[in-house]
Amino acid sequence: MVLKLMTGLKKPFFSLYIYHVFDKLKLKYILIKLLSYLLITGVFLMFADVKTDVRVAGIAMLAIAIAHAMLILEEREFDGTFLMFAKTLPKSRFELFMSPVFIYSFLLLPEGIWLLFNLPVMVSAGLFLFCLSIVMLFVSSLYLKGCNQDIYMQVVFGLSFLIFLVILFKLIWVSVLINFLVSYVIFHFNYYKFKVNEMHDD
């Protein structure tokens, strides 16, 4: 259905993985969206007595980012297998970095819409960026360690623990900028080192 609606539209570079998701990974994507809905509603119900505390929403955003961990791994493998030619394109590292930012901004739209319907606009926007910044940390970590699933999940667990501490200390808004900055620095210095034959190293 989504692919039919997109037929005939101009397809920017970042949309290639989105098309792949709706063509080959739509069941996985739907299951992740269902899990995200259960997580976000479950967290708010569990902490109903303090639901106005931004830390509750922050925990929900962290849970949603973790729920997308395997989809992020799929994207890096897709990029390393089918889009290696991107390294030869006349694009700056910043433009290449923005590609996954656009990808996950689109794939996280259902969660963004939920936030808009349940929280003030500015808070919703901030929480959406917080979730996106965590996702970008996960994305960039793969440029350091490759796409080995076991190592990647250990990194996700470690980063999630650190971010959980950040949430507890109410540093969510500061961490958005830090997360994006760290993600870009890692991406900037490692993008051209990312190779297909490193994707499944033991």
N, C-alpha and C. Protein backbone atom coordinates (compact mmCIF):
# COMPACT_ATOMS: atom_id res chain seq x y z
N MET A 1 0.84 -1.21 0.00
CA MET A 1 0.00 0.00 0.00
C MET A 1 0.87 1.26 0.00
N VAL A 2 1.83 1.31 0.94
CA VAL A 2 2.71 2.46 1.02
C VAL A 2 3.54 2.61 -0.24
N LEU A 3 4.04 1.47 -0.75
CA LEU A 3 4.85 1.51 -1.98
C LEU A 3 4.04 2.03 -3.16
N LYS A 4 2.76 1.64 -3.22
CA LYS A 4 1.90 2.11 -4.31
C LYS A 4 1.68 3.60 -4.23
N LEU A 5 1.53 4.12 -3.01
CA LEU A 5 1.33 5.55 -2.83
C LEU A 5 2.57 6.33 -3.24
N MET A 6 3.75 5.71 -3.06
CA MET A 6 5.01 6.37 -3.36
C MET A 6 5.40 6.26 -4.83
N THR A 7 4.71 5.41 -5.58
CA THR A 7 5.04 5.20 -6.99
C THR A 7 4.95 6.51 -7.76
N GLY A 8 5.97 6.81 -8.53
CA GLY A 8 5.98 8.03 -9.34
C GLY A 8 6.56 9.22 -8.63
N LEU A 9 6.76 9.12 -7.31
CA LEU A 9 7.35 10.22 -6.56
C LEU A 9 8.87 10.22 -6.72
N LYS A 10 9.45 11.40 -6.65
CA LYS A 10 10.91 11.51 -6.69
C LYS A 10 11.48 10.84 -5.46
N LYS A 11 12.50 10.01 -5.66
CA LYS A 11 13.05 9.21 -4.56
C LYS A 11 14.43 9.74 -4.17
N PRO A 12 14.52 10.44 -3.04
CA PRO A 12 15.83 10.89 -2.57
C PRO A 12 16.67 9.70 -2.12
N PHE A 13 17.97 9.91 -2.02
CA PHE A 13 18.89 8.82 -1.70
C PHE A 13 18.53 8.11 -0.41
N PHE A 14 18.18 8.87 0.63
CA PHE A 14 17.91 8.25 1.93
C PHE A 14 16.68 7.34 1.91
N SER A 15 15.80 7.53 0.92
CA SER A 15 14.55 6.76 0.88
C SER A 15 14.75 5.31 0.43
N LEU A 16 15.94 4.97 -0.08
CA LEU A 16 16.16 3.62 -0.59
C LEU A 16 15.94 2.57 0.49
N TYR A 17 16.45 2.82 1.69
CA TYR A 17 16.25 1.83 2.77
C TYR A 17 14.79 1.82 3.23
N ILE A 18 14.13 2.97 3.20
CA ILE A 18 12.72 3.02 3.58
C ILE A 18 11.89 2.15 2.63
N TYR A 19 12.19 2.24 1.33
CA TYR A 19 11.52 1.38 0.36
C TYR A 19 11.81 -0.09 0.65
N HIS A 20 13.05 -0.36 1.01
CA HIS A 20 13.44 -1.74 1.34
C HIS A 20 12.65 -2.25 2.54
N VAL A 21 12.46 -1.39 3.54
CA VAL A 21 11.69 -1.78 4.73
C VAL A 21 10.26 -2.14 4.35
N PHE A 22 9.61 -1.29 3.58
CA PHE A 22 8.22 -1.53 3.22
C PHE A 22 8.05 -2.63 2.18
N ASP A 23 9.14 -2.98 1.53
CA ASP A 23 9.07 -4.06 0.54
C ASP A 23 9.44 -5.41 1.14
N LYS A 24 10.55 -5.46 1.88
CA LYS A 24 11.08 -6.73 2.38
C LYS A 24 10.94 -6.92 3.89
N LEU A 25 10.84 -5.82 4.63
CA LEU A 25 10.86 -5.93 6.10
C LEU A 25 9.58 -5.39 6.74
N LYS A 26 8.50 -5.35 5.98
CA LYS A 26 7.28 -4.72 6.51
C LYS A 26 6.71 -5.43 7.72
N LEU A 27 6.80 -6.78 7.76
CA LEU A 27 6.30 -7.51 8.92
C LEU A 27 7.12 -7.16 10.16
N LYS A 28 8.45 -7.12 10.01
CA LYS A 28 9.32 -6.76 11.13
C LYS A 28 9.02 -5.33 11.59
N TYR A 29 8.81 -4.43 10.62
CA TYR A 29 8.52 -3.04 10.95
C TYR A 29 7.21 -2.93 11.72
N ILE A 30 6.19 -3.65 11.27
CA ILE A 30 4.88 -3.63 11.95
C ILE A 30 5.00 -4.16 13.37
N LEU A 31 5.76 -5.25 13.54
CA LEU A 31 5.95 -5.83 14.87
C LEU A 31 6.68 -4.85 15.79
N ILE A 32 7.67 -4.14 15.23
CA ILE A 32 8.41 -3.15 16.02
C ILE A 32 7.49 -2.01 16.43
N LYS A 33 6.60 -1.59 15.52
CA LYS A 33 5.65 -0.51 15.85
C LYS A 33 4.68 -0.96 16.94
N LEU A 34 4.24 -2.20 16.88
CA LEU A 34 3.37 -2.74 17.92
C LEU A 34 4.09 -2.79 19.26
N LEU A 35 5.36 -3.23 19.22
CA LEU A 35 6.16 -3.27 20.43
C LEU A 35 6.36 -1.86 20.99
N SER A 36 6.63 -0.90 20.11
CA SER A 36 6.81 0.48 20.53
C SER A 36 5.56 1.01 21.22
N TYR A 37 4.40 0.70 20.63
CA TYR A 37 3.13 1.16 21.22
C TYR A 37 2.93 0.55 22.60
N LEU A 38 3.22 -0.74 22.73
CA LEU A 38 3.09 -1.40 24.03
C LEU A 38 4.05 -0.80 25.05
N LEU A 39 5.27 -0.51 24.60
CA LEU A 39 6.27 0.06 25.50
C LEU A 39 5.89 1.45 25.97
N ILE A 40 5.50 2.30 25.04
CA ILE A 40 5.22 3.68 25.39
C ILE A 40 3.97 3.79 26.26
N THR A 41 2.94 3.02 25.95
CA THR A 41 1.73 3.04 26.77
C THR A 41 1.97 2.34 28.10
N GLY A 42 2.75 1.25 28.07
CA GLY A 42 3.03 0.50 29.29
C GLY A 42 3.82 1.33 30.29
N VAL A 43 4.83 2.06 29.81
CA VAL A 43 5.65 2.89 30.70
C VAL A 43 4.80 3.98 31.35
N PHE A 44 3.94 4.63 30.55
CA PHE A 44 3.11 5.69 31.10
C PHE A 44 2.07 5.15 32.08
N LEU A 45 1.56 3.94 31.82
CA LEU A 45 0.62 3.33 32.76
C LEU A 45 1.32 2.91 34.05
N MET A 46 2.52 2.37 33.91
CA MET A 46 3.28 1.90 35.07
C MET A 46 3.62 3.06 36.01
N PHE A 47 3.91 4.23 35.40
CA PHE A 47 4.27 5.40 36.21
C PHE A 47 3.17 6.46 36.14
N ALA A 48 1.92 6.00 36.17
CA ALA A 48 0.79 6.91 36.02
C ALA A 48 0.76 8.00 37.08
N ASP A 49 1.25 7.68 38.28
CA ASP A 49 1.21 8.65 39.37
C ASP A 49 2.24 9.77 39.20
N VAL A 50 3.24 9.55 38.33
CA VAL A 50 4.25 10.60 38.08
C VAL A 50 4.42 10.82 36.58
N LYS A 51 3.35 10.65 35.82
CA LYS A 51 3.46 10.69 34.36
C LYS A 51 3.85 12.06 33.81
N THR A 52 3.73 13.12 34.65
CA THR A 52 4.15 14.44 34.20
C THR A 52 5.67 14.64 34.33
N ASP A 53 6.33 13.71 35.01
CA ASP A 53 7.79 13.76 35.14
C ASP A 53 8.41 13.39 33.80
N VAL A 54 9.23 14.29 33.24
CA VAL A 54 9.81 14.07 31.91
C VAL A 54 10.66 12.80 31.87
N ARG A 55 11.14 12.37 33.03
CA ARG A 55 11.95 11.15 33.07
C ARG A 55 11.16 9.92 32.64
N VAL A 56 9.86 9.93 32.92
CA VAL A 56 9.00 8.82 32.49
C VAL A 56 8.97 8.73 30.97
N ALA A 57 8.75 9.87 30.32
CA ALA A 57 8.74 9.92 28.86
C ALA A 57 10.12 9.57 28.31
N GLY A 58 11.17 10.01 29.01
CA GLY A 58 12.53 9.71 28.57
C GLY A 58 12.80 8.22 28.57
N ILE A 59 12.33 7.53 29.60
CA ILE A 59 12.49 6.06 29.67
C ILE A 59 11.74 5.40 28.52
N ALA A 60 10.56 5.92 28.22
CA ALA A 60 9.77 5.37 27.10
C ALA A 60 10.52 5.55 25.78
N MET A 61 11.15 6.72 25.59
CA MET A 61 11.89 6.98 24.36
C MET A 61 13.11 6.06 24.25
N LEU A 62 13.77 5.82 25.37
CA LEU A 62 14.91 4.90 25.37
C LEU A 62 14.45 3.49 24.99
N ALA A 63 13.32 3.06 25.54
CA ALA A 63 12.78 1.73 25.23
C ALA A 63 12.44 1.61 23.74
N ILE A 64 11.90 2.68 23.18
CA ILE A 64 11.55 2.67 21.75
C ILE A 64 12.80 2.58 20.89
N ALA A 65 13.83 3.32 21.25
CA ALA A 65 15.10 3.27 20.51
C ALA A 65 15.68 1.86 20.55
N ILE A 66 15.64 1.23 21.72
CA ILE A 66 16.14 -0.15 21.86
C ILE A 66 15.32 -1.10 21.00
N ALA A 67 14.01 -0.87 20.93
CA ALA A 67 13.13 -1.73 20.12
C ALA A 67 13.51 -1.69 18.64
N HIS A 68 14.14 -0.60 18.21
CA HIS A 68 14.54 -0.46 16.80
C HIS A 68 15.97 -0.94 16.55
N ALA A 69 16.61 -1.51 17.56
CA ALA A 69 18.02 -1.89 17.45
C ALA A 69 18.30 -2.82 16.27
N MET A 70 17.47 -3.83 16.09
CA MET A 70 17.71 -4.79 15.00
C MET A 70 17.43 -4.18 13.63
N LEU A 71 16.47 -3.26 13.58
CA LEU A 71 16.19 -2.58 12.32
C LEU A 71 17.38 -1.70 11.93
N ILE A 72 18.03 -1.14 12.92
CA ILE A 72 19.24 -0.33 12.69
C ILE A 72 20.36 -1.20 12.13
N LEU A 73 20.51 -2.39 12.71
CA LEU A 73 21.51 -3.33 12.21
C LEU A 73 21.21 -3.72 10.76
N GLU A 74 19.95 -3.96 10.46
CA GLU A 74 19.54 -4.29 9.09
C GLU A 74 19.90 -3.16 8.13
N GLU A 75 19.73 -1.91 8.59
CA GLU A 75 20.02 -0.76 7.72
C GLU A 75 21.50 -0.67 7.40
N ARG A 76 22.35 -0.93 8.41
CA ARG A 76 23.80 -0.89 8.17
C ARG A 76 24.22 -2.01 7.22
N GLU A 77 23.63 -3.17 7.36
CA GLU A 77 23.95 -4.29 6.47
C GLU A 77 23.47 -4.00 5.06
N PHE A 78 22.30 -3.37 4.95
CA PHE A 78 21.78 -2.97 3.64
C PHE A 78 22.71 -1.95 2.99
N ASP A 79 23.14 -0.98 3.79
CA ASP A 79 24.05 0.05 3.30
C ASP A 79 25.38 -0.55 2.86
N GLY A 80 25.92 -1.46 3.68
CA GLY A 80 27.20 -2.07 3.37
C GLY A 80 27.16 -3.01 2.19
N THR A 81 25.98 -3.56 1.90
CA THR A 81 25.84 -4.52 0.80
C THR A 81 25.46 -3.86 -0.51
N PHE A 82 24.48 -2.95 -0.45
CA PHE A 82 23.90 -2.40 -1.68
C PHE A 82 24.25 -0.94 -1.96
N LEU A 83 24.70 -0.20 -0.93
CA LEU A 83 24.91 1.23 -1.13
C LEU A 83 26.35 1.67 -0.92
N MET A 84 27.29 0.75 -1.11
CA MET A 84 28.69 1.11 -0.96
C MET A 84 29.11 2.16 -1.98
N PHE A 85 28.38 2.25 -3.09
CA PHE A 85 28.69 3.24 -4.12
C PHE A 85 28.53 4.67 -3.59
N ALA A 86 27.82 4.81 -2.45
CA ALA A 86 27.59 6.15 -1.89
C ALA A 86 28.92 6.82 -1.53
N LYS A 87 29.94 6.00 -1.26
CA LYS A 87 31.24 6.55 -0.89
C LYS A 87 31.92 7.26 -2.07
N THR A 88 31.46 6.98 -3.27
CA THR A 88 32.04 7.61 -4.46
C THR A 88 31.23 8.82 -4.92
N LEU A 89 30.09 9.07 -4.27
CA LEU A 89 29.24 10.20 -4.66
C LEU A 89 29.82 11.51 -4.15
N PRO A 90 29.58 12.59 -4.89
CA PRO A 90 30.09 13.91 -4.45
C PRO A 90 29.26 14.49 -3.31
N LYS A 91 29.26 13.78 -2.18
CA LYS A 91 28.50 14.21 -1.01
C LYS A 91 29.45 14.40 0.17
N SER A 92 29.19 15.42 0.96
CA SER A 92 30.00 15.64 2.15
C SER A 92 29.64 14.61 3.22
N ARG A 93 30.51 14.47 4.21
CA ARG A 93 30.21 13.55 5.30
C ARG A 93 28.93 13.97 6.03
N PHE A 94 28.72 15.28 6.13
CA PHE A 94 27.51 15.75 6.82
C PHE A 94 26.27 15.32 6.05
N GLU A 95 26.29 15.43 4.73
CA GLU A 95 25.15 15.00 3.92
C GLU A 95 24.91 13.51 4.08
N LEU A 96 25.98 12.73 4.10
CA LEU A 96 25.86 11.29 4.28
C LEU A 96 25.34 10.95 5.68
N PHE A 97 25.76 11.72 6.67
CA PHE A 97 25.28 11.53 8.03
C PHE A 97 23.79 11.82 8.13
N MET A 98 23.33 12.81 7.39
CA MET A 98 21.92 13.18 7.45
C MET A 98 21.02 12.13 6.83
N SER A 99 21.58 11.26 6.00
CA SER A 99 20.77 10.21 5.38
C SER A 99 20.09 9.32 6.42
N PRO A 100 20.83 8.70 7.38
CA PRO A 100 20.15 7.91 8.40
C PRO A 100 19.28 8.77 9.33
N VAL A 101 19.63 10.04 9.51
CA VAL A 101 18.78 10.92 10.32
C VAL A 101 17.40 11.03 9.67
N PHE A 102 17.38 11.23 8.35
CA PHE A 102 16.10 11.30 7.63
C PHE A 102 15.38 9.95 7.65
N ILE A 103 16.14 8.88 7.49
CA ILE A 103 15.55 7.54 7.49
C ILE A 103 14.78 7.29 8.78
N TYR A 104 15.44 7.52 9.91
CA TYR A 104 14.80 7.20 11.18
C TYR A 104 13.80 8.26 11.63
N SER A 105 13.93 9.48 11.12
CA SER A 105 12.89 10.48 11.37
C SER A 105 11.58 10.00 10.74
N PHE A 106 11.70 9.39 9.56
CA PHE A 106 10.51 8.86 8.87
C PHE A 106 9.99 7.60 9.56
N LEU A 107 10.88 6.67 9.88
CA LEU A 107 10.45 5.40 10.47
C LEU A 107 9.91 5.57 11.89
N LEU A 108 10.28 6.66 12.55
CA LEU A 108 9.79 6.93 13.90
C LEU A 108 8.56 7.84 13.92
N LEU A 109 8.03 8.14 12.75
CA LEU A 109 6.86 9.02 12.68
C LEU A 109 5.67 8.53 13.51
N PRO A 110 5.35 7.23 13.51
CA PRO A 110 4.21 6.77 14.34
C PRO A 110 4.37 7.15 15.81
N GLU A 111 5.58 7.00 16.33
CA GLU A 111 5.83 7.38 17.72
C GLU A 111 5.73 8.90 17.89
N GLY A 112 6.21 9.65 16.90
CA GLY A 112 6.11 11.10 16.95
C GLY A 112 4.67 11.57 16.98
N ILE A 113 3.83 10.92 16.19
CA ILE A 113 2.40 11.27 16.15
C ILE A 113 1.75 10.97 17.50
N TRP A 114 2.12 9.83 18.09
CA TRP A 114 1.58 9.47 19.41
C TRP A 114 1.95 10.55 20.43
N LEU A 115 3.18 11.00 20.39
CA LEU A 115 3.64 12.04 21.33
C LEU A 115 2.83 13.33 21.15
N LEU A 116 2.60 13.71 19.90
CA LEU A 116 1.86 14.94 19.63
C LEU A 116 0.44 14.89 20.17
N PHE A 117 -0.16 13.71 20.14
CA PHE A 117 -1.54 13.57 20.61
C PHE A 117 -1.63 13.44 22.13
N ASN A 118 -0.51 13.22 22.78
CA ASN A 118 -0.55 12.96 24.23
C ASN A 118 0.25 13.94 25.08
N LEU A 119 1.11 14.76 24.45
CA LEU A 119 1.95 15.68 25.20
C LEU A 119 1.99 17.03 24.49
N PRO A 120 2.38 18.09 25.20
CA PRO A 120 2.51 19.41 24.55
C PRO A 120 3.48 19.34 23.37
N VAL A 121 3.27 20.22 22.40
CA VAL A 121 4.03 20.18 21.15
C VAL A 121 5.54 20.28 21.37
N MET A 122 5.98 21.23 22.18
CA MET A 122 7.41 21.43 22.39
C MET A 122 8.04 20.23 23.11
N VAL A 123 7.32 19.70 24.08
CA VAL A 123 7.81 18.52 24.79
C VAL A 123 7.88 17.33 23.85
N SER A 124 6.85 17.17 23.02
CA SER A 124 6.82 16.08 22.04
C SER A 124 8.00 16.16 21.08
N ALA A 125 8.26 17.38 20.58
CA ALA A 125 9.38 17.57 19.64
C ALA A 125 10.71 17.23 20.31
N GLY A 126 10.87 17.67 21.55
CA GLY A 126 12.11 17.40 22.28
C GLY A 126 12.31 15.91 22.53
N LEU A 127 11.24 15.22 22.90
CA LEU A 127 11.33 13.78 23.16
C LEU A 127 11.59 13.01 21.88
N PHE A 128 10.99 13.46 20.78
CA PHE A 128 11.24 12.81 19.48
C PHE A 128 12.72 12.94 19.11
N LEU A 129 13.27 14.13 19.29
CA LEU A 129 14.70 14.34 19.00
C LEU A 129 15.58 13.52 19.94
N PHE A 130 15.15 13.38 21.18
CA PHE A 130 15.90 12.57 22.15
C PHE A 130 15.96 11.12 21.67
N CYS A 131 14.81 10.58 21.26
CA CYS A 131 14.75 9.20 20.75
C CYS A 131 15.62 9.07 19.50
N LEU A 132 15.51 10.04 18.60
CA LEU A 132 16.28 10.00 17.35
C LEU A 132 17.78 10.08 17.65
N SER A 133 18.16 10.86 18.63
CA SER A 133 19.59 10.99 18.97
C SER A 133 20.14 9.68 19.52
N ILE A 134 19.33 8.95 20.27
CA ILE A 134 19.76 7.63 20.77
C ILE A 134 19.92 6.66 19.61
N VAL A 135 18.96 6.68 18.70
CA VAL A 135 19.04 5.83 17.51
C VAL A 135 20.32 6.12 16.74
N MET A 136 20.66 7.40 16.60
CA MET A 136 21.87 7.77 15.85
C MET A 136 23.14 7.31 16.57
N LEU A 137 23.10 7.26 17.89
CA LEU A 137 24.22 6.69 18.63
C LEU A 137 24.39 5.22 18.28
N PHE A 138 23.28 4.50 18.23
CA PHE A 138 23.31 3.07 17.87
C PHE A 138 23.84 2.90 16.44
N VAL A 139 23.36 3.77 15.54
CA VAL A 139 23.81 3.71 14.14
C VAL A 139 25.32 3.91 14.06
N SER A 140 25.80 4.96 14.69
CA SER A 140 27.23 5.30 14.61
C SER A 140 28.11 4.24 15.27
N SER A 141 27.60 3.58 16.31
CA SER A 141 28.39 2.55 16.99
C SER A 141 28.78 1.44 16.03
N LEU A 142 27.95 1.20 15.02
CA LEU A 142 28.23 0.13 14.06
C LEU A 142 29.43 0.47 13.17
N TYR A 143 29.73 1.77 13.02
CA TYR A 143 30.89 2.16 12.23
C TYR A 143 32.19 1.92 13.00
N LEU A 144 32.07 1.79 14.32
CA LEU A 144 33.23 1.50 15.15
C LEU A 144 33.49 0.01 15.26
N LYS A 145 32.42 -0.77 15.48
CA LYS A 145 32.55 -2.19 15.80
C LYS A 145 32.12 -3.12 14.67
N GLY A 146 31.63 -2.57 13.54
CA GLY A 146 31.13 -3.44 12.48
C GLY A 146 29.76 -3.98 12.84
N CYS A 147 29.24 -4.83 11.98
CA CYS A 147 27.86 -5.33 12.15
C CYS A 147 27.79 -6.71 12.78
N ASN A 148 28.72 -7.00 13.68
CA ASN A 148 28.63 -8.24 14.44
C ASN A 148 27.50 -8.09 15.45
N GLN A 149 26.49 -8.93 15.35
CA GLN A 149 25.28 -8.78 16.16
C GLN A 149 25.56 -8.86 17.66
N ASP A 150 26.39 -9.81 18.08
CA ASP A 150 26.67 -9.99 19.51
C ASP A 150 27.34 -8.76 20.10
N ILE A 151 28.36 -8.26 19.41
CA ILE A 151 29.07 -7.07 19.89
C ILE A 151 28.15 -5.86 19.87
N TYR A 152 27.37 -5.74 18.81
CA TYR A 152 26.43 -4.62 18.67
C TYR A 152 25.44 -4.58 19.83
N MET A 153 24.87 -5.72 20.18
CA MET A 153 23.89 -5.76 21.27
C MET A 153 24.54 -5.42 22.61
N GLN A 154 25.81 -5.79 22.78
CA GLN A 154 26.52 -5.41 24.00
C GLN A 154 26.70 -3.89 24.06
N VAL A 155 27.02 -3.30 22.90
CA VAL A 155 27.18 -1.84 22.83
C VAL A 155 25.84 -1.16 23.11
N VAL A 156 24.76 -1.69 22.52
CA VAL A 156 23.43 -1.13 22.76
C VAL A 156 23.08 -1.18 24.24
N PHE A 157 23.37 -2.30 24.89
CA PHE A 157 23.11 -2.44 26.32
C PHE A 157 23.92 -1.42 27.12
N GLY A 158 25.20 -1.28 26.80
CA GLY A 158 26.06 -0.34 27.52
C GLY A 158 25.60 1.10 27.35
N LEU A 159 25.31 1.49 26.10
CA LEU A 159 24.83 2.84 25.84
C LEU A 159 23.49 3.10 26.52
N SER A 160 22.62 2.10 26.50
CA SER A 160 21.30 2.24 27.11
C SER A 160 21.41 2.47 28.61
N PHE A 161 22.36 1.78 29.25
CA PHE A 161 22.57 1.96 30.69
C PHE A 161 23.03 3.39 30.99
N LEU A 162 23.96 3.90 30.17
CA LEU A 162 24.46 5.27 30.36
C LEU A 162 23.35 6.29 30.14
N ILE A 163 22.55 6.07 29.10
CA ILE A 163 21.45 6.99 28.80
C ILE A 163 20.39 6.94 29.90
N PHE A 164 20.17 5.75 30.48
CA PHE A 164 19.23 5.63 31.59
C PHE A 164 19.68 6.49 32.77
N LEU A 165 20.97 6.51 33.03
CA LEU A 165 21.50 7.35 34.10
C LEU A 165 21.30 8.83 33.77
N VAL A 166 21.51 9.17 32.50
CA VAL A 166 21.30 10.55 32.05
C VAL A 166 19.84 10.97 32.30
N ILE A 167 18.91 10.06 32.01
CA ILE A 167 17.49 10.34 32.23
C ILE A 167 17.20 10.55 33.71
N LEU A 168 17.76 9.70 34.54
CA LEU A 168 17.52 9.80 35.99
C LEU A 168 18.00 11.14 36.54
N PHE A 169 19.09 11.68 35.98
CA PHE A 169 19.63 12.96 36.43
C PHE A 169 19.00 14.15 35.69
N LYS A 170 17.94 13.88 34.94
CA LYS A 170 17.17 14.92 34.24
C LYS A 170 18.05 15.73 33.28
N LEU A 171 18.91 15.05 32.55
CA LEU A 171 19.78 15.72 31.58
C LEU A 171 19.36 15.40 30.14
N ILE A 172 18.10 15.11 29.95
CA ILE A 172 17.59 14.68 28.65
C ILE A 172 17.86 15.71 27.56
N TRP A 173 17.51 16.96 27.82
CA TRP A 173 17.61 17.97 26.76
C TRP A 173 19.07 18.25 26.40
N VAL A 174 19.95 18.26 27.40
CA VAL A 174 21.38 18.45 27.12
C VAL A 174 21.93 17.28 26.32
N SER A 175 21.47 16.09 26.65
CA SER A 175 22.00 14.88 26.00
C SER A 175 21.63 14.80 24.53
N VAL A 176 20.54 15.45 24.13
CA VAL A 176 20.15 15.42 22.71
C VAL A 176 21.28 15.96 21.85
N LEU A 177 21.78 17.13 22.22
CA LEU A 177 22.88 17.75 21.47
C LEU A 177 24.14 16.90 21.56
N ILE A 178 24.44 16.41 22.76
CA ILE A 178 25.65 15.59 22.95
C ILE A 178 25.58 14.31 22.14
N ASN A 179 24.43 13.66 22.15
CA ASN A 179 24.25 12.41 21.40
C ASN A 179 24.47 12.61 19.91
N PHE A 180 23.86 13.68 19.36
CA PHE A 180 24.04 13.95 17.93
C PHE A 180 25.49 14.30 17.62
N LEU A 181 26.12 15.07 18.49
CA LEU A 181 27.50 15.48 18.26
C LEU A 181 28.44 14.28 18.29
N VAL A 182 28.28 13.42 19.30
CA VAL A 182 29.12 12.22 19.40
C VAL A 182 28.88 11.31 18.20
N SER A 183 27.62 11.17 17.82
CA SER A 183 27.27 10.33 16.66
C SER A 183 27.96 10.83 15.40
N TYR A 184 27.93 12.15 15.19
CA TYR A 184 28.54 12.70 13.99
C TYR A 184 30.05 12.55 13.99
N VAL A 185 30.67 12.77 15.14
CA VAL A 185 32.13 12.64 15.23
C VAL A 185 32.54 11.21 14.90
N ILE A 186 31.84 10.23 15.47
CA ILE A 186 32.14 8.82 15.18
C ILE A 186 31.94 8.53 13.70
N PHE A 187 30.83 9.02 13.16
CA PHE A 187 30.52 8.82 11.73
C PHE A 187 31.59 9.47 10.86
N HIS A 188 31.94 10.70 11.19
CA HIS A 188 32.88 11.48 10.37
C HIS A 188 34.22 10.76 10.21
N PHE A 189 34.72 10.19 11.29
CA PHE A 189 36.05 9.59 11.26
C PHE A 189 36.05 8.11 10.89
N ASN A 190 34.89 7.51 10.75
CA ASN A 190 34.84 6.07 10.49
C ASN A 190 34.02 5.66 9.28
N TYR A 191 33.30 6.61 8.66
CA TYR A 191 32.43 6.25 7.54
C TYR A 191 33.20 5.55 6.42
N TYR A 192 34.33 6.10 6.03
CA TYR A 192 35.08 5.54 4.90
C TYR A 192 35.90 4.31 5.29
N LYS A 193 35.90 3.98 6.57
CA LYS A 193 36.58 2.76 7.03
C LYS A 193 35.63 1.57 7.09
N PHE A 194 34.33 1.85 6.99
CA PHE A 194 33.32 0.80 7.09
C PHE A 194 33.35 -0.04 5.82
N LYS A 195 33.64 -1.35 5.97
CA LYS A 195 33.78 -2.24 4.83
C LYS A 195 32.86 -3.43 4.96
N VAL A 196 32.44 -3.96 3.81
CA VAL A 196 31.54 -5.10 3.79
C VAL A 196 32.14 -6.30 4.49
N ASN A 197 33.43 -6.53 4.29
CA ASN A 197 34.05 -7.73 4.86
C ASN A 197 34.24 -7.64 6.37
N GLU A 198 33.87 -6.47 6.97
CA GLU A 198 33.92 -6.34 8.42
C GLU A 198 32.56 -6.56 9.05
N MET A 199 31.56 -6.73 8.21
CA MET A 199 30.20 -6.76 8.71
C MET A 199 29.89 -7.97 9.54
N HIS A 200 30.53 -9.08 9.32
CA HIS A 200 30.21 -10.30 10.04
C HIS A 200 31.41 -10.89 10.75
N ASP A 201 32.34 -10.00 11.13
CA ASP A 201 33.52 -10.49 11.87
C ASP A 201 33.10 -11.12 13.17
N ASP A 202 33.85 -12.12 13.60
CA ASP A 202 33.57 -12.76 14.88
C ASP A 202 34.21 -11.95 15.99
